[in-house]
Amino acid sequence: MDENLKTAVANIMCESAGWQQAVSSKGDSLLIVYLDMKSPHAYISVRPTLQMVKDYKVEIDFRPYTLSYIEMRVSTTTKDQKRRPPSADGDRKARMFYAAAREYCKLQQLPLRSPYRLLDAELAHRAFVFAKRQKLEINFMMSVCLRGWGSGWREFELESITQLKEALVDVGANLTGFDAFMMDGGEGQQIVSAYKEDAHATGFVGTPHYVFYDHQRDRTLGLFGREHLALIRSKLSEQGLARNEDVKAEFSHAWRGPSKD
């Protein structure tokens, strides 16, 4: 890992104690957030989403969702790990997807380089659930994604059990039962599959996908995209869930990082 990337990773990972505290926090309202570790827009959404816990009496339940490149029309196949766009239009959209992510990463000082190949996040998502049981899911995800996205996935193999295990150790996870949990047909795969079904029931389109109960409308809402954080905050404010009177529902899509107070 080059020195610039090491510095960028260290600067963001210094927030990890706060992440663990945030995912351990209990609240008066529940916000479910579906993320895919191979999605740069999910990577960008983590820290502004965690800001919600600091500002509102809300509990956040992060869950993995494994997107399909084929269903997203990014590629017609994943067999050779090379992107095979279905059309010139599909290729243009995929390139713009990464171009937009790159600009927003700059605002948060998150390292990002376009991946040199297609990724399979299934095993990483099982490891995410394993970490989640120890309230370390975001520490784990960000440790992996900072190195992965920062190098275009040249410094981290997302499909490597060995590297996933090392990443768990790096964030302080206890590995008891890990190998059995990660097996095909094992508990990890079953939980990831169940999360996917739950997400579809809420109108899932892509990640990040937010699910919460809207008391004003008396129904559960599912919203795709980080741009809806301001809307969610406004609804939490209407419920009187702001932690103090200085909290504002307004929230910039061009968020630059957590407040230091």
Protein backbone atom coordinates (compact mmCIF):
# COMPACT_ATOMS: atom_id res chain seq x y z
CA MET A 1 0.00 0.00 0.00
CA ASP A 2 1.48 3.36 -0.96
CA GLU A 3 2.03 6.02 1.69
CA ASN A 4 -0.74 8.34 0.47
CA LEU A 5 -3.30 5.54 0.71
CA LYS A 6 -2.00 4.48 4.13
CA THR A 7 -2.45 8.03 5.37
CA ALA A 8 -5.97 8.32 3.91
CA VAL A 9 -7.01 5.01 5.48
CA ALA A 10 -5.57 5.96 8.88
CA ASN A 11 -7.28 9.37 8.83
CA ILE A 12 -10.72 7.77 8.35
CA MET A 13 -10.17 4.72 10.57
CA CYS A 14 -9.46 7.02 13.53
CA GLU A 15 -13.26 7.38 13.70
CA SER A 16 -13.75 3.63 14.32
CA ALA A 17 -14.46 3.87 18.06
CA GLY A 18 -17.32 6.23 17.27
CA TRP A 19 -18.67 3.84 14.63
CA GLN A 20 -18.81 0.98 17.09
CA GLN A 21 -20.53 3.19 19.64
CA ALA A 22 -23.05 4.30 17.01
CA VAL A 23 -24.07 0.79 15.95
CA SER A 24 -24.40 -0.17 19.63
CA SER A 25 -26.72 2.76 20.42
CA LYS A 26 -30.36 2.15 21.19
CA GLY A 27 -33.00 4.61 20.11
CA ASP A 28 -36.71 5.37 19.95
CA SER A 29 -36.86 4.69 16.21
CA LEU A 30 -35.23 2.09 13.95
CA LEU A 31 -33.50 2.82 10.65
CA ILE A 32 -32.51 -0.21 8.57
CA VAL A 33 -29.78 0.42 6.01
CA TYR A 34 -28.86 -2.02 3.24
CA LEU A 35 -25.32 -1.74 1.85
CA ASP A 36 -23.25 -3.57 -0.75
CA MET A 37 -19.51 -3.43 -0.14
CA LYS A 38 -18.81 -3.46 -3.87
CA SER A 39 -20.93 -0.33 -4.38
CA PRO A 40 -18.98 2.95 -4.16
CA HIS A 41 -22.20 4.80 -3.36
CA ALA A 42 -22.82 2.53 -0.36
CA TYR A 43 -19.23 3.23 0.75
CA ILE A 44 -19.87 6.99 0.53
CA SER A 45 -23.13 6.70 2.49
CA VAL A 46 -21.80 5.06 5.66
CA ARG A 47 -20.43 8.08 7.51
CA PRO A 48 -23.25 10.55 6.77
CA THR A 49 -25.71 7.84 7.78
CA LEU A 50 -23.90 7.36 11.09
CA GLN A 51 -24.28 11.09 11.71
CA MET A 52 -27.97 10.28 12.22
CA VAL A 53 -27.20 8.58 15.55
CA LYS A 54 -25.36 11.64 16.80
CA ASP A 55 -28.26 13.92 15.90
CA TYR A 56 -31.32 11.74 16.59
CA LYS A 57 -32.58 9.14 19.04
CA VAL A 58 -32.42 6.46 16.40
CA GLU A 59 -31.03 2.94 16.24
CA ILE A 60 -29.36 1.87 12.98
CA ASP A 61 -29.42 -1.69 11.70
CA PHE A 62 -26.87 -2.08 8.88
CA ARG A 63 -27.47 -5.08 6.64
CA PRO A 64 -25.59 -6.43 3.61
CA TYR A 65 -27.25 -6.81 0.22
CA THR A 66 -25.42 -8.43 -2.71
CA LEU A 67 -26.20 -6.54 -5.91
CA SER A 68 -26.10 -8.22 -9.32
CA TYR A 69 -24.03 -6.59 -12.06
CA ILE A 70 -26.25 -8.29 -14.61
CA GLU A 71 -29.51 -7.05 -13.08
CA MET A 72 -28.02 -3.54 -12.86
CA ARG A 73 -27.07 -3.85 -16.56
CA VAL A 74 -23.44 -3.07 -15.76
CA SER A 75 -22.33 -6.24 -17.50
CA THR A 76 -23.84 -9.10 -19.47
CA THR A 77 -21.70 -11.67 -17.63
CA THR A 78 -19.50 -12.00 -14.55
CA LYS A 79 -17.68 -15.20 -15.56
CA ASP A 80 -14.36 -13.60 -16.56
CA GLN A 81 -14.59 -10.73 -13.99
CA LYS A 82 -14.34 -8.19 -16.81
CA ARG A 83 -17.07 -5.64 -17.37
CA ARG A 84 -19.03 -6.50 -20.53
CA PRO A 85 -21.61 -3.69 -20.89
CA PRO A 86 -24.79 -4.66 -22.75
CA SER A 87 -24.58 -1.53 -24.92
CA ALA A 88 -22.73 1.74 -25.42
CA ASP A 89 -25.44 3.40 -23.35
CA GLY A 90 -24.88 0.89 -20.55
CA ASP A 91 -21.16 1.55 -20.67
CA ARG A 92 -21.73 5.30 -20.44
CA LYS A 93 -24.00 4.91 -17.42
CA ALA A 94 -21.50 2.67 -15.63
CA ARG A 95 -18.68 5.16 -16.19
CA MET A 96 -20.83 8.02 -14.91
CA PHE A 97 -21.72 5.93 -11.85
CA TYR A 98 -18.05 5.84 -10.86
CA ALA A 99 -17.36 9.43 -11.95
CA ALA A 100 -20.06 10.74 -9.60
CA ALA A 101 -18.82 8.55 -6.75
CA ARG A 102 -15.29 9.85 -7.23
CA GLU A 103 -16.41 13.47 -6.79
CA TYR A 104 -18.36 12.76 -3.61
CA CYS A 105 -15.48 10.73 -2.19
CA LYS A 106 -13.23 13.76 -2.61
CA LEU A 107 -15.58 15.78 -0.40
CA GLN A 108 -15.31 13.22 2.39
CA GLN A 109 -11.58 12.64 1.75
CA LEU A 110 -12.34 8.98 1.05
CA PRO A 111 -9.89 7.30 -1.31
CA LEU A 112 -11.50 5.85 -4.43
CA ARG A 113 -10.14 4.33 -7.63
CA SER A 114 -12.28 2.56 -10.22
CA PRO A 115 -12.07 -1.23 -9.87
CA TYR A 116 -9.98 -3.09 -12.42
CA ARG A 117 -12.44 -5.99 -12.47
CA LEU A 118 -15.91 -7.04 -11.39
CA LEU A 119 -16.25 -7.98 -7.74
CA ASP A 120 -18.15 -10.66 -5.84
CA ALA A 121 -19.16 -9.43 -2.37
CA GLU A 122 -21.00 -12.56 -1.20
CA LEU A 123 -18.27 -13.83 1.14
CA ALA A 124 -17.53 -10.31 2.38
CA HIS A 125 -21.19 -9.91 3.27
CA ARG A 126 -21.17 -13.12 5.28
CA ALA A 127 -18.13 -11.75 7.12
CA PHE A 128 -20.03 -8.46 7.58
CA VAL A 129 -22.80 -10.37 9.39
CA PHE A 130 -20.19 -12.20 11.49
CA ALA A 131 -18.72 -8.82 12.50
CA LYS A 132 -22.21 -7.42 13.10
CA ARG A 133 -22.75 -9.89 15.93
CA GLN A 134 -19.87 -8.13 17.70
CA LYS A 135 -21.03 -4.60 16.77
CA LEU A 136 -18.05 -4.31 14.43
CA GLU A 137 -19.78 -4.37 11.05
CA ILE A 138 -18.94 -0.78 10.08
CA ASN A 139 -15.39 -1.00 11.42
CA PHE A 140 -14.95 -4.11 9.28
CA MET A 141 -16.65 -2.72 6.19
CA MET A 142 -14.74 0.54 6.23
CA SER A 143 -11.41 -1.18 6.89
CA VAL A 144 -11.99 -3.37 3.84
CA CYS A 145 -13.50 -0.68 1.61
CA LEU A 146 -10.91 1.98 2.34
CA ARG A 147 -8.15 -0.36 1.21
CA GLY A 148 -10.24 -1.87 -1.56
CA TRP A 149 -11.74 1.24 -3.08
CA GLY A 150 -8.61 3.22 -2.38
CA SER A 151 -6.59 0.94 -4.64
CA GLY A 152 -9.27 -0.02 -7.16
CA TRP A 153 -9.37 -3.39 -5.34
CA ARG A 154 -5.73 -4.08 -6.12
CA GLU A 155 -4.71 -4.01 -2.42
CA PHE A 156 -7.54 -6.19 -1.14
CA GLU A 157 -9.15 -9.33 -2.56
CA LEU A 158 -12.82 -9.15 -1.65
CA GLU A 159 -13.29 -12.87 -2.37
CA SER A 160 -10.38 -14.00 -0.17
CA ILE A 161 -11.41 -15.76 3.05
CA THR A 162 -7.88 -15.24 4.37
CA GLN A 163 -7.93 -11.49 3.82
CA LEU A 164 -11.45 -11.16 5.19
CA LYS A 165 -10.36 -13.03 8.30
CA GLU A 166 -7.32 -10.76 8.67
CA ALA A 167 -9.58 -7.70 8.34
CA LEU A 168 -11.79 -9.01 11.13
CA VAL A 169 -8.76 -9.52 13.36
CA ASP A 170 -7.56 -5.99 12.55
CA VAL A 171 -10.79 -4.50 13.95
CA GLY A 172 -10.73 -6.69 17.06
CA ALA A 173 -13.24 -9.40 16.17
CA ASN A 174 -13.28 -12.77 17.92
CA LEU A 175 -13.03 -15.45 15.19
CA THR A 176 -14.57 -18.33 17.15
CA GLY A 177 -16.92 -20.19 14.78
CA PHE A 178 -15.92 -18.11 11.76
CA ASP A 179 -15.08 -20.94 9.35
CA ALA A 180 -18.37 -22.78 9.89
CA PHE A 181 -20.32 -19.52 9.67
CA MET A 182 -18.77 -18.73 6.28
CA MET A 183 -19.38 -22.09 4.62
CA ASP A 184 -21.72 -22.40 1.64
CA GLY A 185 -25.10 -23.37 3.05
CA GLY A 186 -24.01 -22.17 6.48
CA GLU A 187 -25.54 -19.63 8.80
CA GLY A 188 -23.84 -16.67 7.15
CA GLN A 189 -25.22 -17.44 3.71
CA GLN A 190 -28.69 -18.05 5.14
CA ILE A 191 -28.75 -14.68 6.92
CA VAL A 192 -27.51 -12.77 3.86
CA SER A 193 -30.21 -14.46 1.76
CA ALA A 194 -32.90 -13.64 4.32
CA TYR A 195 -31.81 -9.99 4.35
CA LYS A 196 -32.20 -9.91 0.58
CA GLU A 197 -35.77 -11.16 0.77
CA ASP A 198 -36.58 -8.63 3.49
CA ALA A 199 -35.13 -5.82 1.37
CA HIS A 200 -37.24 -6.80 -1.65
CA ALA A 201 -40.37 -6.64 0.49
CA THR A 202 -39.65 -2.94 1.12
CA GLY A 203 -39.31 -1.98 -2.55
CA PHE A 204 -35.56 -2.37 -2.86
CA VAL A 205 -33.94 -0.73 -5.91
CA GLY A 206 -30.26 -0.36 -4.99
CA THR A 207 -27.84 0.53 -2.20
CA PRO A 208 -27.86 2.39 0.06
CA HIS A 209 -31.47 1.48 0.78
CA TYR A 210 -33.13 3.00 3.85
CA VAL A 211 -36.12 1.48 5.62
CA PHE A 212 -38.00 3.13 8.49
CA TYR A 213 -41.47 3.54 9.95
CA ASP A 214 -43.08 6.84 8.99
CA HIS A 215 -45.39 7.69 11.87
CA GLN A 216 -47.00 10.54 9.98
CA ARG A 217 -48.12 8.21 7.18
CA ASP A 218 -48.49 5.17 9.47
CA ARG A 219 -46.50 2.93 7.15
CA THR A 220 -42.99 1.60 6.54
CA LEU A 221 -41.05 3.40 3.82
CA GLY A 222 -38.17 2.11 1.74
CA LEU A 223 -36.01 4.74 0.01
CA PHE A 224 -33.06 4.23 -2.35
CA GLY A 225 -30.19 6.69 -2.22
CA ARG A 226 -28.14 8.84 0.13
CA GLU A 227 -30.00 11.93 -1.08
CA HIS A 228 -32.95 10.89 1.11
CA LEU A 229 -31.06 11.44 4.37
CA ALA A 230 -32.48 14.98 4.63
CA LEU A 231 -36.03 13.65 4.18
CA ILE A 232 -35.49 10.97 6.83
CA ARG A 233 -34.05 13.55 9.19
CA SER A 234 -37.06 15.81 8.67
CA LYS A 235 -39.42 12.98 9.59
CA LEU A 236 -37.40 12.16 12.70
CA SER A 237 -37.49 15.85 13.66
CA GLU A 238 -41.28 15.88 13.26
CA GLN A 239 -41.44 12.96 15.70
CA GLY A 240 -39.47 14.96 18.25
CA LEU A 241 -36.46 12.65 18.10
CA ALA A 242 -33.74 15.29 17.71
CA ARG A 243 -31.17 14.97 20.49
CA ASN A 244 -31.09 18.73 21.08
CA GLU A 245 -32.60 21.94 19.75
CA ASP A 246 -29.53 22.71 17.65
CA VAL A 247 -30.08 19.69 15.36
CA LYS A 248 -31.25 20.69 11.90
CA ALA A 249 -33.18 18.42 9.57
CA GLU A 250 -31.44 19.95 6.55
CA PHE A 251 -28.52 17.82 5.42
CA SER A 252 -26.25 18.44 2.47
CA HIS A 253 -25.76 15.75 -0.14
CA ALA A 254 -22.29 17.27 -0.38
CA TRP A 255 -21.55 16.39 3.27
CA ARG A 256 -17.82 16.66 3.96
CA GLY A 257 -17.33 14.75 7.19
CA PRO A 258 -18.46 14.44 10.80
CA SER A 259 -18.54 17.48 13.06
CA LYS A 260 -15.70 17.52 15.55
CA ASP A 261 -17.58 18.86 18.56
